[in-house]
PDB file of N, CA and C in Angstrom:
ATOM      1  N   MET A   1     -63.761  -1.931 -62.212  1.00  0.00           N
ATOM      2  CA  MET A   1     -63.064  -1.747 -60.974  1.00  0.00           C
ATOM      3  C   MET A   1     -62.345  -3.038 -60.604  1.00  0.00           C
ATOM      4  N   ALA A   2     -61.126  -2.890 -60.210  1.00  0.00           N
ATOM      5  CA  ALA A   2     -60.279  -4.048 -59.927  1.00  0.00           C
ATOM      6  C   ALA A   2     -60.223  -4.318 -58.429  1.00  0.00           C
ATOM      7  N   ASP A   3     -60.018  -5.587 -58.107  1.00  0.00           N
ATOM      8  CA  ASP A   3     -59.842  -5.906 -56.697  1.00  0.00           C
ATOM      9  C   ASP A   3     -58.364  -5.762 -56.342  1.00  0.00           C
ATOM     10  N   ALA A   4     -58.058  -5.876 -55.059  1.00  0.00           N
ATOM     11  CA  ALA A   4     -56.706  -5.616 -54.568  1.00  0.00           C
ATOM     12  C   ALA A   4     -55.695  -6.591 -55.156  1.00  0.00           C
ATOM     13  N   LYS A   5     -56.087  -7.841 -55.366  1.00  0.00           N
ATOM     14  CA  LYS A   5     -55.147  -8.824 -55.905  1.00  0.00           C
ATOM     15  C   LYS A   5     -54.709  -8.440 -57.317  1.00  0.00           C
ATOM     16  N   GLU A   6     -55.639  -8.009 -58.134  1.00  0.00           N
ATOM     17  CA  GLU A   6     -55.294  -7.578 -59.493  1.00  0.00           C
ATOM     18  C   GLU A   6     -54.390  -6.348 -59.460  1.00  0.00           C
ATOM     19  N   LEU A   7     -54.664  -5.436 -58.546  1.00  0.00           N
ATOM     20  CA  LEU A   7     -53.862  -4.222 -58.464  1.00  0.00           C
ATOM     21  C   LEU A   7     -52.451  -4.519 -57.979  1.00  0.00           C
ATOM     22  N   ARG A   8     -52.305  -5.476 -57.064  1.00  0.00           N
ATOM     23  CA  ARG A   8     -50.978  -5.823 -56.558  1.00  0.00           C
ATOM     24  C   ARG A   8     -50.097  -6.435 -57.650  1.00  0.00           C
ATOM     25  N   ASP A   9     -50.706  -7.027 -58.657  1.00  0.00           N
ATOM     26  CA  ASP A   9     -49.948  -7.634 -59.745  1.00  0.00           C
ATOM     27  C   ASP A   9     -49.392  -6.597 -60.727  1.00  0.00           C
ATOM     28  N   LEU A  10     -49.881  -5.367 -60.660  1.00  0.00           N
ATOM     29  CA  LEU A  10     -49.423  -4.320 -61.575  1.00  0.00           C
ATOM     30  C   LEU A  10     -48.120  -3.708 -61.073  1.00  0.00           C
ATOM     31  N   ASP A  11     -47.321  -3.173 -61.996  1.00  0.00           N
ATOM     32  CA  ASP A  11     -46.105  -2.484 -61.568  1.00  0.00           C
ATOM     33  C   ASP A  11     -46.446  -1.046 -61.150  1.00  0.00           C
ATOM     34  N   HIS A  12     -45.447  -0.376 -60.598  1.00  0.00           N
ATOM     35  CA  HIS A  12     -45.650   0.944 -60.003  1.00  0.00           C
ATOM     36  C   HIS A  12     -46.204   1.945 -61.019  1.00  0.00           C
ATOM     37  N   ASP A  13     -45.648   1.985 -62.223  1.00  0.00           N
ATOM     38  CA  ASP A  13     -46.082   2.962 -63.228  1.00  0.00           C
ATOM     39  C   ASP A  13     -47.537   2.744 -63.637  1.00  0.00           C
ATOM     40  N   LYS A  14     -47.936   1.489 -63.778  1.00  0.00           N
ATOM     41  CA  LYS A  14     -49.325   1.210 -64.144  1.00  0.00           C
ATOM     42  C   LYS A  14     -50.272   1.558 -63.003  1.00  0.00           C
ATOM     43  N   LEU A  15     -49.828   1.342 -61.754  1.00  0.00           N
ATOM     44  CA  LEU A  15     -50.658   1.729 -60.611  1.00  0.00           C
ATOM     45  C   LEU A  15     -50.868   3.237 -60.572  1.00  0.00           C
ATOM     46  N   VAL A  16     -49.800   3.975 -60.815  1.00  0.00           N
ATOM     47  CA  VAL A  16     -49.909   5.439 -60.824  1.00  0.00           C
ATOM     48  C   VAL A  16     -50.847   5.885 -61.942  1.00  0.00           C
ATOM     49  N   GLY A  17     -50.758   5.235 -63.083  1.00  0.00           N
ATOM     50  CA  GLY A  17     -51.670   5.550 -64.184  1.00  0.00           C
ATOM     51  C   GLY A  17     -53.117   5.259 -63.826  1.00  0.00           C
ATOM     52  N   ARG A  18     -53.349   4.106 -63.185  1.00  0.00           N
ATOM     53  CA  ARG A  18     -54.710   3.756 -62.749  1.00  0.00           C
ATOM     54  C   ARG A  18     -55.209   4.758 -61.717  1.00  0.00           C
ATOM     55  N   LEU A  19     -54.314   5.212 -60.823  1.00  0.00           N
ATOM     56  CA  LEU A  19     -54.692   6.198 -59.814  1.00  0.00           C
ATOM     57  C   LEU A  19     -55.112   7.503 -60.480  1.00  0.00           C
ATOM     58  N   ASN A  20     -54.347   7.950 -61.447  1.00  0.00           N
ATOM     59  CA  ASN A  20     -54.694   9.190 -62.157  1.00  0.00           C
ATOM     60  C   ASN A  20     -56.021   9.055 -62.895  1.00  0.00           C
ATOM     61  N   ASP A  21     -56.243   7.902 -63.530  1.00  0.00           N
ATOM     62  CA  ASP A  21     -57.512   7.670 -64.224  1.00  0.00           C
ATOM     63  C   ASP A  21     -58.687   7.683 -63.246  1.00  0.00           C
ATOM     64  N   ALA A  22     -58.511   7.040 -62.106  1.00  0.00           N
ATOM     65  CA  ALA A  22     -59.589   6.979 -61.114  1.00  0.00           C
ATOM     66  C   ALA A  22     -59.878   8.362 -60.545  1.00  0.00           C
ATOM     67  N   ARG A  23     -58.842   9.142 -60.302  1.00  0.00           N
ATOM     68  CA  ARG A  23     -59.056  10.501 -59.788  1.00  0.00           C
ATOM     69  C   ARG A  23     -59.773  11.371 -60.813  1.00  0.00           C
ATOM     70  N   GLU A  24     -59.416  11.199 -62.086  1.00  0.00           N
ATOM     71  CA  GLU A  24     -60.093  11.958 -63.145  1.00  0.00           C
ATOM     72  C   GLU A  24     -61.563  11.542 -63.239  1.00  0.00           C
ATOM     73  N   GLU A  25     -61.812  10.236 -63.131  1.00  0.00           N
ATOM     74  CA  GLU A  25     -63.194   9.756 -63.159  1.00  0.00           C
ATOM     75  C   GLU A  25     -63.990  10.318 -61.981  1.00  0.00           C
ATOM     76  N   LEU A  26     -63.380  10.353 -60.799  1.00  0.00           N
ATOM     77  CA  LEU A  26     -64.063  10.900 -59.630  1.00  0.00           C
ATOM     78  C   LEU A  26     -64.391  12.376 -59.829  1.00  0.00           C
ATOM     79  N   MET A  27     -63.468  13.112 -60.406  1.00  0.00           N
ATOM     80  CA  MET A  27     -63.723  14.526 -60.676  1.00  0.00           C
ATOM     81  C   MET A  27     -64.898  14.686 -61.641  1.00  0.00           C
ATOM     82  N   ASN A  28     -64.917  13.877 -62.694  1.00  0.00           N
ATOM     83  CA  ASN A  28     -66.025  13.944 -63.647  1.00  0.00           C
ATOM     84  C   ASN A  28     -67.353  13.567 -62.997  1.00  0.00           C
ATOM     85  N   LEU A  29     -67.327  12.572 -62.125  1.00  0.00           N
ATOM     86  CA  LEU A  29     -68.553  12.172 -61.429  1.00  0.00           C
ATOM     87  C   LEU A  29     -69.059  13.286 -60.517  1.00  0.00           C
ATOM     88  N   ARG A  30     -68.131  13.978 -59.868  1.00  0.00           N
ATOM     89  CA  ARG A  30     -68.534  15.093 -59.003  1.00  0.00           C
ATOM     90  C   ARG A  30     -69.150  16.229 -59.816  1.00  0.00           C
ATOM     91  N   PHE A  31     -68.583  16.502 -60.996  1.00  0.00           N
ATOM     92  CA  PHE A  31     -69.175  17.518 -61.869  1.00  0.00           C
ATOM     93  C   PHE A  31     -70.579  17.102 -62.307  1.00  0.00           C
ATOM     94  N   GLN A  32     -70.734  15.830 -62.664  1.00  0.00           N
ATOM     95  CA  GLN A  32     -72.051  15.343 -63.056  1.00  0.00           C
ATOM     96  C   GLN A  32     -73.041  15.440 -61.907  1.00  0.00           C
ATOM     97  N   GLN A  33     -72.575  15.159 -60.698  1.00  0.00           N
ATOM     98  CA  GLN A  33     -73.457  15.231 -59.537  1.00  0.00           C
ATOM     99  C   GLN A  33     -73.897  16.671 -59.286  1.00  0.00           C
ATOM    100  N   SER A  34     -72.952  17.601 -59.394  1.00  0.00           N
ATOM    101  CA  SER A  34     -73.302  18.995 -59.114  1.00  0.00           C
ATOM    102  C   SER A  34     -74.227  19.577 -60.173  1.00  0.00           C
ATOM    103  N   SER A  35     -74.135  19.075 -61.395  1.00  0.00           N
ATOM    104  CA  SER A  35     -75.002  19.585 -62.454  1.00  0.00           C
ATOM    105  C   SER A  35     -76.318  18.812 -62.553  1.00  0.00           C
ATOM    106  N   GLY A  36     -76.469  17.776 -61.742  1.00  0.00           N
ATOM    107  CA  GLY A  36     -77.709  17.005 -61.735  1.00  0.00           C
ATOM    108  C   GLY A  36     -77.778  15.930 -62.796  1.00  0.00           C
ATOM    109  N   GLU A  37     -76.674  15.636 -63.482  1.00  0.00           N
ATOM    110  CA  GLU A  37     -76.668  14.638 -64.548  1.00  0.00           C
ATOM    111  C   GLU A  37     -76.396  13.222 -64.042  1.00  0.00           C
ATOM    112  N   LEU A  38     -75.837  13.102 -62.847  1.00  0.00           N
ATOM    113  CA  LEU A  38     -75.440  11.789 -62.334  1.00  0.00           C
ATOM    114  C   LEU A  38     -76.666  10.999 -61.893  1.00  0.00           C
ATOM    115  N   THR A  39     -76.799   9.796 -62.420  1.00  0.00           N
ATOM    116  CA  THR A  39     -77.927   8.943 -62.034  1.00  0.00           C
ATOM    117  C   THR A  39     -77.473   7.759 -61.185  1.00  0.00           C
ATOM    118  N   ASP A  40     -76.226   7.323 -61.356  1.00  0.00           N
ATOM    119  CA  ASP A  40     -75.706   6.179 -60.604  1.00  0.00           C
ATOM    120  C   ASP A  40     -74.766   6.685 -59.517  1.00  0.00           C
ATOM    121  N   PHE A  41     -75.326   6.992 -58.352  1.00  0.00           N
ATOM    122  CA  PHE A  41     -74.537   7.552 -57.259  1.00  0.00           C
ATOM    123  C   PHE A  41     -73.595   6.524 -56.650  1.00  0.00           C
ATOM    124  N   ASN A  42     -73.825   5.255 -56.905  1.00  0.00           N
ATOM    125  CA  ASN A  42     -72.955   4.196 -56.399  1.00  0.00           C
ATOM    126  C   ASN A  42     -71.554   4.304 -56.997  1.00  0.00           C
ATOM    127  N   ARG A  43     -71.452   4.832 -58.207  1.00  0.00           N
ATOM    128  CA  ARG A  43     -70.141   4.960 -58.854  1.00  0.00           C
ATOM    129  C   ARG A  43     -69.214   5.873 -58.070  1.00  0.00           C
ATOM    130  N   LEU A  44     -69.755   6.861 -57.355  1.00  0.00           N
ATOM    131  CA  LEU A  44     -68.921   7.740 -56.540  1.00  0.00           C
ATOM    132  C   LEU A  44     -68.194   6.953 -55.458  1.00  0.00           C
ATOM    133  N   SER A  45     -68.926   6.145 -54.723  1.00  0.00           N
ATOM    134  CA  SER A  45     -68.301   5.399 -53.630  1.00  0.00           C
ATOM    135  C   SER A  45     -67.383   4.303 -54.153  1.00  0.00           C
ATOM    136  N   VAL A  46     -67.751   3.685 -55.267  1.00  0.00           N
ATOM    137  CA  VAL A  46     -66.898   2.642 -55.849  1.00  0.00           C
ATOM    138  C   VAL A  46     -65.576   3.245 -56.313  1.00  0.00           C
ATOM    139  N   THR A  47     -65.636   4.408 -56.920  1.00  0.00           N
ATOM    140  CA  THR A  47     -64.421   5.063 -57.404  1.00  0.00           C
ATOM    141  C   THR A  47     -63.547   5.516 -56.243  1.00  0.00           C
ATOM    142  N   ARG A  48     -64.158   6.041 -55.186  1.00  0.00           N
ATOM    143  CA  ARG A  48     -63.381   6.438 -54.006  1.00  0.00           C
ATOM    144  C   ARG A  48     -62.692   5.238 -53.374  1.00  0.00           C
ATOM    145  N   ARG A  49     -63.387   4.102 -53.331  1.00  0.00           N
ATOM    146  CA  ARG A  49     -62.778   2.888 -52.769  1.00  0.00           C
ATOM    147  C   ARG A  49     -61.620   2.399 -53.627  1.00  0.00           C
ATOM    148  N   GLU A  50     -61.759   2.512 -54.942  1.00  0.00           N
ATOM    149  CA  GLU A  50     -60.669   2.094 -55.819  1.00  0.00           C
ATOM    150  C   GLU A  50     -59.443   2.979 -55.606  1.00  0.00           C
ATOM    151  N   ILE A  51     -59.654   4.272 -55.455  1.00  0.00           N
ATOM    152  CA  ILE A  51     -58.544   5.187 -55.185  1.00  0.00           C
ATOM    153  C   ILE A  51     -57.867   4.807 -53.872  1.00  0.00           C
ATOM    154  N   ALA A  52     -58.652   4.503 -52.859  1.00  0.00           N
ATOM    155  CA  ALA A  52     -58.088   4.118 -51.569  1.00  0.00           C
ATOM    156  C   ALA A  52     -57.293   2.820 -51.679  1.00  0.00           C
ATOM    157  N   ARG A  53     -57.798   1.851 -52.435  1.00  0.00           N
ATOM    158  CA  ARG A  53     -57.069   0.592 -52.628  1.00  0.00           C
ATOM    159  C   ARG A  53     -55.719   0.834 -53.299  1.00  0.00           C
ATOM    160  N   ILE A  54     -55.724   1.650 -54.340  1.00  0.00           N
ATOM    161  CA  ILE A  54     -54.484   1.919 -55.068  1.00  0.00           C
ATOM    162  C   ILE A  54     -53.489   2.641 -54.174  1.00  0.00           C
ATOM    163  N   LEU A  55     -53.958   3.636 -53.419  1.00  0.00           N
ATOM    164  CA  LEU A  55     -53.057   4.363 -52.520  1.00  0.00           C
ATOM    165  C   LEU A  55     -52.493   3.438 -51.448  1.00  0.00           C
ATOM    166  N   THR A  56     -53.303   2.531 -50.935  1.00  0.00           N
ATOM    167  CA  THR A  56     -52.836   1.583 -49.932  1.00  0.00           C
ATOM    168  C   THR A  56     -51.735   0.702 -50.497  1.00  0.00           C
ATOM    169  N   ILE A  57     -51.936   0.192 -51.694  1.00  0.00           N
ATOM    170  CA  ILE A  57     -50.938  -0.678 -52.314  1.00  0.00           C
ATOM    171  C   ILE A  57     -49.661   0.099 -52.616  1.00  0.00           C
ATOM    172  N   LEU A  58     -49.801   1.330 -53.073  1.00  0.00           N
ATOM    173  CA  LEU A  58     -48.611   2.143 -53.330  1.00  0.00           C
ATOM    174  C   LEU A  58     -47.848   2.422 -52.040  1.00  0.00           C
ATOM    175  N   ASN A  59     -48.559   2.682 -50.952  1.00  0.00           N
ATOM    176  CA  ASN A  59     -47.900   2.929 -49.669  1.00  0.00           C
ATOM    177  C   ASN A  59     -47.248   1.673 -49.119  1.00  0.00           C
ATOM    178  N   GLU A  60     -47.835   0.524 -49.351  1.00  0.00           N
ATOM    179  CA  GLU A  60     -47.239  -0.729 -48.890  1.00  0.00           C
ATOM    180  C   GLU A  60     -45.934  -1.019 -49.615  1.00  0.00           C
ATOM    181  N   SER A  61     -45.851  -0.632 -50.865  1.00  0.00           N
ATOM    182  CA  SER A  61     -44.685  -0.964 -51.664  1.00  0.00           C
ATOM    183  C   SER A  61     -43.538   0.022 -51.468  1.00  0.00           C
ATOM    184  N   GLN A  62     -43.776   1.135 -50.771  1.00  0.00           N
ATOM    185  CA  GLN A  62     -42.707   2.095 -50.535  1.00  0.00           C
ATOM    186  C   GLN A  62     -41.723   1.525 -49.519  1.00  0.00           C
ATOM    187  N   PRO A  63     -40.442   1.829 -49.686  1.00  0.00           N
ATOM    188  CA  PRO A  63     -39.464   1.353 -48.698  1.00  0.00           C
ATOM    189  C   PRO A  63     -39.698   2.020 -47.351  1.00  0.00           C
ATOM    190  N   THR A  64     -39.302   1.346 -46.309  1.00  0.00           N
ATOM    191  CA  THR A  64     -39.503   1.883 -44.967  1.00  0.00           C
ATOM    192  C   THR A  64     -38.611   3.107 -44.764  1.00  0.00           C
ATOM    193  N   THR A  65     -39.017   3.968 -43.869  1.00  0.00           N
ATOM    194  CA  THR A  65     -38.245   5.183 -43.615  1.00  0.00           C
ATOM    195  C   THR A  65     -37.021   4.853 -42.780  1.00  0.00           C
ATOM    196  N   SER A  66     -36.095   5.752 -42.731  1.00  0.00           N
ATOM    197  CA  SER A  66     -34.857   5.526 -41.972  1.00  0.00           C
ATOM    198  C   SER A  66     -35.129   5.440 -40.481  1.00  0.00           C
ATOM    199  N   LYS A  67     -36.161   6.122 -40.002  1.00  0.00           N
ATOM    200  CA  LYS A  67     -36.503   6.055 -38.590  1.00  0.00           C
ATOM    201  C   LYS A  67     -36.914   4.634 -38.201  1.00  0.00           C
ATOM    202  N   GLU A  68     -37.698   3.985 -39.060  1.00  0.00           N
ATOM    203  CA  GLU A  68     -38.129   2.625 -38.771  1.00  0.00           C
ATOM    204  C   GLU A  68     -36.953   1.663 -38.824  1.00  0.00           C
ATOM    205  N   ASN A  69     -35.976   1.934 -39.681  1.00  0.00           N
ATOM    206  CA  ASN A  69     -34.817   1.066 -39.801  1.00  0.00           C
ATOM    207  C   ASN A  69     -33.885   1.174 -38.612  1.00  0.00           C
ATOM    208  N   SER A  70     -33.844   2.337 -37.980  1.00  0.00           N
ATOM    209  CA  SER A  70     -32.915   2.543 -36.865  1.00  0.00           C
ATOM    210  C   SER A  70     -33.408   1.910 -35.572  1.00  0.00           C
ATOM    211  N   GLU A  71     -34.667   1.581 -35.490  1.00  0.00           N
ATOM    212  CA  GLU A  71     -35.213   0.992 -34.250  1.00  0.00           C
ATOM    213  C   GLU A  71     -35.024  -0.473 -34.170  1.00  0.00           C
TER     214      GLU A  71
END
């Protein structure tokens, strides 16, 4: 799991790839949890936090909307 500084150094395409990987991992962890195979429940929260970090960085890098520019 990467911290925010490492994620900010990545370009947009790599961030999107990391986001897709993290979402896939979260889905697999949820399947493991529902089937009773998951032993490390901490990985669920760590993966959710990583997804949130990536989404935050992606939202920060988006250009401002036209409404914000007109004010």
